[in-house]
């Protein structure tokens, strides 16, 4: 009978004098990139350099220089090492910043976090994900009345100048998702914002009604329409529209309030 075939034992991290793969190695490999791997002679050359088995190294590192999910999970159990400070900085990156860093993997290397963990919070377009925004701004809590009043005066031109709604969010240090609850891309406030600024009808004074009575259509048009009049007087458009029409005439409700005050119509 022929002798039994000898099957070589599989190398382990510590077998045959091989070193174990440590978090320190993973952090170093994270900064290598494809070029660093090529300079080391590929994954096999890198394994030799670090004294680890090629098969073991390939569990953690790809030929393109990116870490595998297993490596990412060892370095950063999902979400644990992503700090609020990082999120605030990523909020200002934009697509250009992400591209300049070499994509999301480059940003991950720059901040010493796993790509898999980073992509939970940041998109390739440079915008934060909802999870990131929720960590930065639990819905509605950080949007102040002062912000709403300033956004009320922005108009479409102001929003465009800031780089769209994402730009306004970055400028004010709030999450885009949160800002979009209150502000539209055309620069008008949403009902939720208007309700916070002006519980219906409470801030419309008799003095305002008297001034609007004299506006006429020309005055409304000159102010930029009803939204422009609202911005000018610091009131919500929806509240103003209860009292004033686009043709510059007062509504029945406005006339009723003025009559009660003894104003001749």
C-alpha atoms as a PDB file:
ATOM      1  CA  UNK A   1       0.000   0.000   0.000  1.00  0.00           C
ATOM      2  CA  UNK A   2       1.259   3.497  -0.743  1.00  0.00           C
ATOM      3  CA  UNK A   3       1.989   5.681   2.301  1.00  0.00           C
ATOM      4  CA  UNK A   4      -0.859   8.006   3.379  1.00  0.00           C
ATOM      5  CA  UNK A   5      -0.866  11.473   1.798  1.00  0.00           C
ATOM      6  CA  UNK A   6       0.609  14.066   4.112  1.00  0.00           C
ATOM      7  CA  UNK A   7      -1.796  17.065   4.424  1.00  0.00           C
ATOM      8  CA  UNK A   8       0.038  20.174   5.625  1.00  0.00           C
ATOM      9  CA  UNK A   9      -1.370  21.817   8.748  1.00  0.00           C
ATOM     10  CA  UNK A  10      -3.051  25.174   8.213  1.00  0.00           C
ATOM     11  CA  UNK A  11      -1.078  28.081   9.606  1.00  0.00           C
ATOM     12  CA  UNK A  12      -2.666  30.060  12.418  1.00  0.00           C
ATOM     13  CA  UNK A  13      -1.821  33.513  13.731  1.00  0.00           C
ATOM     14  CA  UNK A  14       0.602  32.175  16.280  1.00  0.00           C
ATOM     15  CA  UNK A  15       1.581  28.853  14.697  1.00  0.00           C
ATOM     16  CA  UNK A  16       5.043  28.246  13.181  1.00  0.00           C
ATOM     17  CA  UNK A  17       6.405  31.338  14.843  1.00  0.00           C
ATOM     18  CA  UNK A  18       3.935  33.615  13.046  1.00  0.00           C
ATOM     19  CA  UNK A  19       2.810  36.770  14.865  1.00  0.00           C
ATOM     20  CA  UNK A  20      -0.834  37.383  15.735  1.00  0.00           C
ATOM     21  CA  UNK A  21      -2.639  40.207  13.933  1.00  0.00           C
ATOM     22  CA  UNK A  22      -2.960  43.046  16.437  1.00  0.00           C
ATOM     23  CA  UNK A  23      -5.105  46.217  16.413  1.00  0.00           C
ATOM     24  CA  UNK A  24      -1.841  48.172  16.009  1.00  0.00           C
ATOM     25  CA  UNK A  25      -1.133  46.297  12.755  1.00  0.00           C
ATOM     26  CA  UNK A  26      -4.645  46.943  11.529  1.00  0.00           C
ATOM     27  CA  UNK A  27      -4.254  50.683  12.172  1.00  0.00           C
ATOM     28  CA  UNK A  28      -0.985  50.708  10.240  1.00  0.00           C
ATOM     29  CA  UNK A  29      -2.491  48.744   7.330  1.00  0.00           C
ATOM     30  CA  UNK A  30      -5.402  51.157   7.302  1.00  0.00           C
ATOM     31  CA  UNK A  31      -3.017  53.947   6.266  1.00  0.00           C
ATOM     32  CA  UNK A  32      -1.182  51.923   3.590  1.00  0.00           C
ATOM     33  CA  UNK A  33      -3.506  52.248   0.617  1.00  0.00           C
ATOM     34  CA  UNK A  34      -2.884  50.312  -2.613  1.00  0.00           C
ATOM     35  CA  UNK A  35       0.410  52.057  -3.198  1.00  0.00           C
ATOM     36  CA  UNK A  36       1.801  50.978   0.173  1.00  0.00           C
ATOM     37  CA  UNK A  37       0.828  47.383  -0.511  1.00  0.00           C
ATOM     38  CA  UNK A  38       2.398  47.450  -3.974  1.00  0.00           C
ATOM     39  CA  UNK A  39       5.618  48.897  -2.512  1.00  0.00           C
ATOM     40  CA  UNK A  40       5.720  46.038   0.015  1.00  0.00           C
ATOM     41  CA  UNK A  41       5.408  43.491  -2.821  1.00  0.00           C
ATOM     42  CA  UNK A  42       1.695  42.818  -2.531  1.00  0.00           C
ATOM     43  CA  UNK A  43      -0.171  41.169   0.325  1.00  0.00           C
ATOM     44  CA  UNK A  44       2.361  38.321   0.523  1.00  0.00           C
ATOM     45  CA  UNK A  45       5.226  40.803   0.824  1.00  0.00           C
ATOM     46  CA  UNK A  46       3.363  42.697   3.521  1.00  0.00           C
ATOM     47  CA  UNK A  47       2.679  39.472   5.414  1.00  0.00           C
ATOM     48  CA  UNK A  48       6.405  38.682   5.333  1.00  0.00           C
ATOM     49  CA  UNK A  49       7.207  42.231   6.508  1.00  0.00           C
ATOM     50  CA  UNK A  50       4.922  41.883   9.541  1.00  0.00           C
ATOM     51  CA  UNK A  51       5.776  38.255  10.213  1.00  0.00           C
ATOM     52  CA  UNK A  52       2.202  37.026   9.831  1.00  0.00           C
ATOM     53  CA  UNK A  53       0.760  34.315   7.613  1.00  0.00           C
ATOM     54  CA  UNK A  54      -0.504  35.510   4.206  1.00  0.00           C
ATOM     55  CA  UNK A  55      -3.776  33.660   4.692  1.00  0.00           C
ATOM     56  CA  UNK A  56      -4.315  35.381   8.023  1.00  0.00           C
ATOM     57  CA  UNK A  57      -3.435  38.829   6.677  1.00  0.00           C
ATOM     58  CA  UNK A  58      -5.929  38.391   3.833  1.00  0.00           C
ATOM     59  CA  UNK A  59      -8.729  37.932   6.361  1.00  0.00           C
ATOM     60  CA  UNK A  60      -8.155  41.570   7.333  1.00  0.00           C
ATOM     61  CA  UNK A  61      -6.724  43.383   4.314  1.00  0.00           C
ATOM     62  CA  UNK A  62      -7.593  43.538   0.605  1.00  0.00           C
ATOM     63  CA  UNK A  63      -5.172  43.994  -2.294  1.00  0.00           C
ATOM     64  CA  UNK A  64      -6.603  47.476  -2.966  1.00  0.00           C
ATOM     65  CA  UNK A  65      -5.493  48.611   0.496  1.00  0.00           C
ATOM     66  CA  UNK A  66      -8.912  48.649   2.135  1.00  0.00           C
ATOM     67  CA  UNK A  67      -9.626  46.769   5.339  1.00  0.00           C
ATOM     68  CA  UNK A  68     -12.191  43.976   5.310  1.00  0.00           C
ATOM     69  CA  UNK A  69     -15.330  44.138   7.450  1.00  0.00           C
ATOM     70  CA  UNK A  70     -13.712  41.818   9.997  1.00  0.00           C
ATOM     71  CA  UNK A  71     -10.822  44.259  10.417  1.00  0.00           C
ATOM     72  CA  UNK A  72     -13.241  47.179  10.605  1.00  0.00           C
ATOM     73  CA  UNK A  73     -15.269  45.440  13.288  1.00  0.00           C
ATOM     74  CA  UNK A  74     -12.142  44.723  15.342  1.00  0.00           C
ATOM     75  CA  UNK A  75     -11.047  48.338  15.140  1.00  0.00           C
ATOM     76  CA  UNK A  76     -14.471  49.912  15.577  1.00  0.00           C
ATOM     77  CA  UNK A  77     -17.439  47.965  16.864  1.00  0.00           C
ATOM     78  CA  UNK A  78     -20.170  49.799  14.847  1.00  0.00           C
ATOM     79  CA  UNK A  79     -20.584  53.376  15.980  1.00  0.00           C
ATOM     80  CA  UNK A  80     -18.534  53.250  19.177  1.00  0.00           C
ATOM     81  CA  UNK A  81     -15.543  55.344  18.101  1.00  0.00           C
ATOM     82  CA  UNK A  82     -17.324  57.869  15.916  1.00  0.00           C
ATOM     83  CA  UNK A  83     -17.420  61.020  18.031  1.00  0.00           C
ATOM     84  CA  UNK A  84     -19.638  64.096  17.771  1.00  0.00           C
ATOM     85  CA  UNK A  85     -16.500  66.113  16.972  1.00  0.00           C
ATOM     86  CA  UNK A  86     -15.860  63.893  13.935  1.00  0.00           C
ATOM     87  CA  UNK A  87     -19.463  64.259  12.777  1.00  0.00           C
ATOM     88  CA  UNK A  88     -19.248  68.051  13.035  1.00  0.00           C
ATOM     89  CA  UNK A  89     -16.058  68.045  10.947  1.00  0.00           C
ATOM     90  CA  UNK A  90     -17.504  65.673   8.332  1.00  0.00           C
ATOM     91  CA  UNK A  91     -20.537  67.936   8.126  1.00  0.00           C
ATOM     92  CA  UNK A  92     -18.273  70.625   6.637  1.00  0.00           C
ATOM     93  CA  UNK A  93     -16.446  68.304   4.178  1.00  0.00           C
ATOM     94  CA  UNK A  94     -18.837  68.285   1.223  1.00  0.00           C
ATOM     95  CA  UNK A  95     -18.154  66.118  -1.858  1.00  0.00           C
ATOM     96  CA  UNK A  96     -15.002  68.054  -2.658  1.00  0.00           C
ATOM     97  CA  UNK A  97     -13.531  67.327   0.785  1.00  0.00           C
ATOM     98  CA  UNK A  98     -14.359  63.622   0.521  1.00  0.00           C
ATOM     99  CA  UNK A  99     -12.823  63.429  -2.966  1.00  0.00           C
ATOM    100  CA  UNK A 100      -9.726  65.302  -1.813  1.00  0.00           C
ATOM    101  CA  UNK A 101      -9.229  62.757   1.001  1.00  0.00           C
ATOM    102  CA  UNK A 102      -9.418  59.895  -1.495  1.00  0.00           C
ATOM    103  CA  UNK A 103     -13.061  58.972  -1.039  1.00  0.00           C
ATOM    104  CA  UNK A 104     -14.741  57.576   2.065  1.00  0.00           C
ATOM    105  CA  UNK A 105     -11.899  55.092   2.622  1.00  0.00           C
ATOM    106  CA  UNK A 106      -9.475  58.011   2.592  1.00  0.00           C
ATOM    107  CA  UNK A 107     -11.560  59.929   5.153  1.00  0.00           C
ATOM    108  CA  UNK A 108     -11.690  56.769   7.289  1.00  0.00           C
ATOM    109  CA  UNK A 109      -7.891  56.430   7.156  1.00  0.00           C
ATOM    110  CA  UNK A 110      -7.465  60.136   7.942  1.00  0.00           C
ATOM    111  CA  UNK A 111      -9.577  59.815  11.099  1.00  0.00           C
ATOM    112  CA  UNK A 112      -8.329  56.355  12.062  1.00  0.00           C
ATOM    113  CA  UNK A 113     -11.757  54.726  11.925  1.00  0.00           C
ATOM    114  CA  UNK A 114     -13.070  51.764   9.971  1.00  0.00           C
ATOM    115  CA  UNK A 115     -14.627  52.482   6.573  1.00  0.00           C
ATOM    116  CA  UNK A 116     -17.618  50.333   7.503  1.00  0.00           C
ATOM    117  CA  UNK A 117     -18.223  52.429  10.620  1.00  0.00           C
ATOM    118  CA  UNK A 118     -17.733  55.729   8.767  1.00  0.00           C
ATOM    119  CA  UNK A 119     -20.225  54.841   6.020  1.00  0.00           C
ATOM    120  CA  UNK A 120     -22.935  54.503   8.675  1.00  0.00           C
ATOM    121  CA  UNK A 121     -22.588  58.265   9.141  1.00  0.00           C
ATOM    122  CA  UNK A 122     -21.189  59.787   5.933  1.00  0.00           C
ATOM    123  CA  UNK A 123     -22.134  59.435   2.247  1.00  0.00           C
ATOM    124  CA  UNK A 124     -19.777  59.654  -0.749  1.00  0.00           C
ATOM    125  CA  UNK A 125     -21.554  62.909  -1.684  1.00  0.00           C
ATOM    126  CA  UNK A 126     -20.215  64.463   1.528  1.00  0.00           C
ATOM    127  CA  UNK A 127     -23.623  64.621   3.200  1.00  0.00           C
ATOM    128  CA  UNK A 128     -24.334  63.078   6.579  1.00  0.00           C
ATOM    129  CA  UNK A 129     -26.728  60.165   6.888  1.00  0.00           C
ATOM    130  CA  UNK A 130     -29.884  60.395   8.985  1.00  0.00           C
ATOM    131  CA  UNK A 131     -28.167  58.455  11.782  1.00  0.00           C
ATOM    132  CA  UNK A 132     -25.407  61.078  11.923  1.00  0.00           C
ATOM    133  CA  UNK A 133     -27.894  63.930  11.864  1.00  0.00           C
ATOM    134  CA  UNK A 134     -29.956  62.331  14.622  1.00  0.00           C
ATOM    135  CA  UNK A 135     -26.833  62.067  16.792  1.00  0.00           C
ATOM    136  CA  UNK A 136     -25.945  65.694  16.118  1.00  0.00           C
ATOM    137  CA  UNK A 137     -29.482  67.051  16.351  1.00  0.00           C
ATOM    138  CA  UNK A 138     -32.220  64.989  17.949  1.00  0.00           C
ATOM    139  CA  UNK A 139     -35.156  66.133  15.731  1.00  0.00           C
ATOM    140  CA  UNK A 140     -36.197  69.692  16.442  1.00  0.00           C
ATOM    141  CA  UNK A 141     -34.276  70.226  19.667  1.00  0.00           C
ATOM    142  CA  UNK A 142     -31.519  72.513  18.380  1.00  0.00           C
ATOM    143  CA  UNK A 143     -33.524  74.619  15.937  1.00  0.00           C
ATOM    144  CA  UNK A 144     -34.039  77.908  17.735  1.00  0.00           C
ATOM    145  CA  UNK A 145     -36.571  80.664  17.111  1.00  0.00           C
ATOM    146  CA  UNK A 146     -33.652  82.940  16.228  1.00  0.00           C
ATOM    147  CA  UNK A 147     -32.641  80.536  13.434  1.00  0.00           C
ATOM    148  CA  UNK A 148     -36.195  80.387  12.119  1.00  0.00           C
ATOM    149  CA  UNK A 149     -36.411  84.185  12.020  1.00  0.00           C
ATOM    150  CA  UNK A 150     -33.136  84.363  10.077  1.00  0.00           C
ATOM    151  CA  UNK A 151     -34.204  81.627   7.637  1.00  0.00           C
ATOM    152  CA  UNK A 152     -37.470  83.496   7.130  1.00  0.00           C
ATOM    153  CA  UNK A 153     -35.484  86.363   5.590  1.00  0.00           C
ATOM    154  CA  UNK A 154     -33.259  84.162   3.386  1.00  0.00           C
ATOM    155  CA  UNK A 155     -35.491  83.655   0.356  1.00  0.00           C
ATOM    156  CA  UNK A 156     -34.437  81.363  -2.515  1.00  0.00           C
ATOM    157  CA  UNK A 157     -31.462  83.572  -3.334  1.00  0.00           C
ATOM    158  CA  UNK A 158     -30.090  83.256   0.210  1.00  0.00           C
ATOM    159  CA  UNK A 159     -30.533  79.489   0.197  1.00  0.00           C
ATOM    160  CA  UNK A 160     -28.805  79.196  -3.197  1.00  0.00           C
ATOM    161  CA  UNK A 161     -25.969  81.467  -2.064  1.00  0.00           C
ATOM    162  CA  UNK A 162     -25.352  79.196   0.937  1.00  0.00           C
ATOM    163  CA  UNK A 163     -25.128  76.158  -1.344  1.00  0.00           C
ATOM    164  CA  UNK A 164     -28.683  74.908  -0.991  1.00  0.00           C
ATOM    165  CA  UNK A 165     -30.364  73.542   2.120  1.00  0.00           C
ATOM    166  CA  UNK A 166     -27.329  71.390   2.949  1.00  0.00           C
ATOM    167  CA  UNK A 167     -25.195  74.534   2.832  1.00  0.00           C
ATOM    168  CA  UNK A 168     -27.569  76.403   5.163  1.00  0.00           C
ATOM    169  CA  UNK A 169     -27.492  73.397   7.532  1.00  0.00           C
ATOM    170  CA  UNK A 170     -23.682  73.415   7.503  1.00  0.00           C
ATOM    171  CA  UNK A 171     -23.621  77.183   8.076  1.00  0.00           C
ATOM    172  CA  UNK A 172     -25.849  76.871  11.162  1.00  0.00           C
ATOM    173  CA  UNK A 173     -24.301  73.621  12.418  1.00  0.00           C
ATOM    174  CA  UNK A 174     -27.541  71.651  12.287  1.00  0.00           C
ATOM    175  CA  UNK A 175     -28.463  68.423  10.513  1.00  0.00           C
ATOM    176  CA  UNK A 176     -29.808  68.753   6.959  1.00  0.00           C
ATOM    177  CA  UNK A 177     -32.663  66.393   7.768  1.00  0.00           C
ATOM    178  CA  UNK A 178     -33.644  68.512  10.754  1.00  0.00           C
ATOM    179  CA  UNK A 179     -33.414  71.787   8.819  1.00  0.00           C
ATOM    180  CA  UNK A 180     -35.639  70.368   6.064  1.00  0.00           C
ATOM    181  CA  UNK A 181     -38.428  69.921   8.614  1.00  0.00           C
ATOM    182  CA  UNK A 182     -38.566  73.728   8.797  1.00  0.00           C
ATOM    183  CA  UNK A 183     -37.235  75.202   5.534  1.00  0.00           C
ATOM    184  CA  UNK A 184     -37.930  74.551   1.836  1.00  0.00           C
ATOM    185  CA  UNK A 185     -35.430  74.816  -1.035  1.00  0.00           C
ATOM    186  CA  UNK A 186     -37.312  77.884  -2.330  1.00  0.00           C
ATOM    187  CA  UNK A 187     -36.510  79.716   0.916  1.00  0.00           C
ATOM    188  CA  UNK A 188     -40.015  79.575   2.394  1.00  0.00           C
ATOM    189  CA  UNK A 189     -40.675  78.218   5.862  1.00  0.00           C
ATOM    190  CA  UNK A 190     -42.782  75.117   6.331  1.00  0.00           C
ATOM    191  CA  UNK A 191     -45.940  75.089   8.443  1.00  0.00           C
ATOM    192  CA  UNK A 192     -44.075  73.552  11.386  1.00  0.00           C
ATOM    193  CA  UNK A 193     -41.652  76.496  11.399  1.00  0.00           C
ATOM    194  CA  UNK A 194     -44.438  79.031  11.038  1.00  0.00           C
ATOM    195  CA  UNK A 195     -46.413  77.424  13.854  1.00  0.00           C
ATOM    196  CA  UNK A 196     -43.366  77.709  16.125  1.00  0.00           C
ATOM    197  CA  UNK A 197     -42.848  81.340  15.162  1.00  0.00           C
ATOM    198  CA  UNK A 198     -46.479  82.377  15.200  1.00  0.00           C
ATOM    199  CA  UNK A 199     -49.149  80.249  16.794  1.00  0.00           C
ATOM    200  CA  UNK A 200     -51.949  81.177  14.329  1.00  0.00           C
ATOM    201  CA  UNK A 201     -52.977  84.796  14.649  1.00  0.00           C
ATOM    202  CA  UNK A 202     -51.287  85.613  17.942  1.00  0.00           C
ATOM    203  CA  UNK A 203     -48.554  87.933  16.672  1.00  0.00           C
ATOM    204  CA  UNK A 204     -50.536  89.836  14.038  1.00  0.00           C
ATOM    205  CA  UNK A 205     -51.149  93.224  15.632  1.00  0.00           C
ATOM    206  CA  UNK A 206     -53.718  95.911  14.802  1.00  0.00           C
ATOM    207  CA  UNK A 207     -50.836  98.186  13.817  1.00  0.00           C
ATOM    208  CA  UNK A 208     -49.789  95.631  11.181  1.00  0.00           C
ATOM    209  CA  UNK A 209     -53.339  95.358   9.863  1.00  0.00           C
ATOM    210  CA  UNK A 210     -53.589  99.127   9.536  1.00  0.00           C
ATOM    211  CA  UNK A 211     -50.273  99.229   7.638  1.00  0.00           C
ATOM    212  CA  UNK A 212     -51.325  96.375   5.320  1.00  0.00           C
ATOM    213  CA  UNK A 213     -54.626  98.123   4.667  1.00  0.00           C
ATOM    214  CA  UNK A 214     -52.669 100.879   2.929  1.00  0.00           C
ATOM    215  CA  UNK A 215     -50.369  98.573   0.918  1.00  0.00           C
ATOM    216  CA  UNK A 216     -52.485  97.744  -2.122  1.00  0.00           C
ATOM    217  CA  UNK A 217     -51.303  95.294  -4.782  1.00  0.00           C
ATOM    218  CA  UNK A 218     -48.380  97.514  -5.725  1.00  0.00           C
ATOM    219  CA  UNK A 219     -47.080  97.517  -2.152  1.00  0.00           C
ATOM    220  CA  UNK A 220     -47.395  93.729  -1.893  1.00  0.00           C
ATOM    221  CA  UNK A 221     -45.592  93.248  -5.232  1.00  0.00           C
ATOM    222  CA  UNK A 222     -42.851  95.696  -4.217  1.00  0.00           C
ATOM    223  CA  UNK A 223     -42.225  93.661  -1.030  1.00  0.00           C
ATOM    224  CA  UNK A 224     -41.880  90.453  -3.066  1.00  0.00           C
ATOM    225  CA  UNK A 225     -45.389  89.124  -2.682  1.00  0.00           C
ATOM    226  CA  UNK A 226     -47.097  87.959   0.507  1.00  0.00           C
ATOM    227  CA  UNK A 227     -43.993  85.988   1.556  1.00  0.00           C
ATOM    228  CA  UNK A 228     -41.961  89.178   1.214  1.00  0.00           C
ATOM    229  CA  UNK A 229     -44.442  91.135   3.354  1.00  0.00           C
ATOM    230  CA  UNK A 230     -44.316  88.337   5.946  1.00  0.00           C
ATOM    231  CA  UNK A 231     -40.501  88.491   6.034  1.00  0.00           C
ATOM    232  CA  UNK A 232     -40.597  92.289   6.265  1.00  0.00           C
ATOM    233  CA  UNK A 233     -42.875  92.149   9.327  1.00  0.00           C
ATOM    234  CA  UNK A 234     -41.251  89.063  10.863  1.00  0.00           C
ATOM    235  CA  UNK A 235     -44.425  86.977  10.817  1.00  0.00           C
ATOM    236  CA  UNK A 236     -45.240  83.606   9.296  1.00  0.00           C
ATOM    237  CA  UNK A 237     -46.591  83.638   5.739  1.00  0.00           C
ATOM    238  CA  UNK A 238     -49.445  81.327   6.718  1.00  0.00           C
ATOM    239  CA  UNK A 239     -50.423  83.692   9.563  1.00  0.00           C
ATOM    240  CA  UNK A 240     -50.248  86.750   7.297  1.00  0.00           C
ATOM    241  CA  UNK A 241     -52.421  85.072   4.637  1.00  0.00           C
ATOM    242  CA  UNK A 242     -55.238  84.793   7.169  1.00  0.00           C
ATOM    243  CA  UNK A 243     -55.420  88.605   7.036  1.00  0.00           C
ATOM    244  CA  UNK A 244     -54.039  89.780   3.680  1.00  0.00           C
ATOM    245  CA  UNK A 245     -54.637  88.722   0.061  1.00  0.00           C
ATOM    246  CA  UNK A 246     -52.141  88.808  -2.816  1.00  0.00           C
ATOM    247  CA  UNK A 247     -54.096  91.683  -4.420  1.00  0.00           C
ATOM    248  CA  UNK A 248     -53.390  93.823  -1.351  1.00  0.00           C
ATOM    249  CA  UNK A 249     -56.919  93.681   0.089  1.00  0.00           C
ATOM    250  CA  UNK A 250     -57.639  92.609   3.651  1.00  0.00           C
ATOM    251  CA  UNK A 251     -59.597  89.432   4.328  1.00  0.00           C
ATOM    252  CA  UNK A 252     -62.916  89.382   6.156  1.00  0.00           C
ATOM    253  CA  UNK A 253     -61.129  88.287   9.335  1.00  0.00           C
ATOM    254  CA  UNK A 254     -58.777  91.294   9.217  1.00  0.00           C
ATOM    255  CA  UNK A 255     -61.661  93.674   8.580  1.00  0.00           C
ATOM    256  CA  UNK A 256     -63.560  92.170  11.489  1.00  0.00           C
ATOM    257  CA  UNK A 257     -60.643  92.787  13.861  1.00  0.00           C
ATOM    258  CA  UNK A 258     -60.249  96.367  12.679  1.00  0.00           C
ATOM    259  CA  UNK A 259     -63.979  97.084  12.988  1.00  0.00           C
ATOM    260  CA  UNK A 260     -63.940  95.849  16.563  1.00  0.00           C
ATOM    261  CA  UNK A 261     -61.222  98.406  17.195  1.00  0.00           C
ATOM    262  CA  UNK A 262     -63.396 101.137  15.674  1.00  0.00           C
ATOM    263  CA  UNK A 263     -61.431 101.558  12.445  1.00  0.00           C
ATOM    264  CA  UNK A 264     -63.509 102.782   9.525  1.00  0.00           C
ATOM    265  CA  UNK A 265     -63.417 100.402   6.518  1.00  0.00           C
END
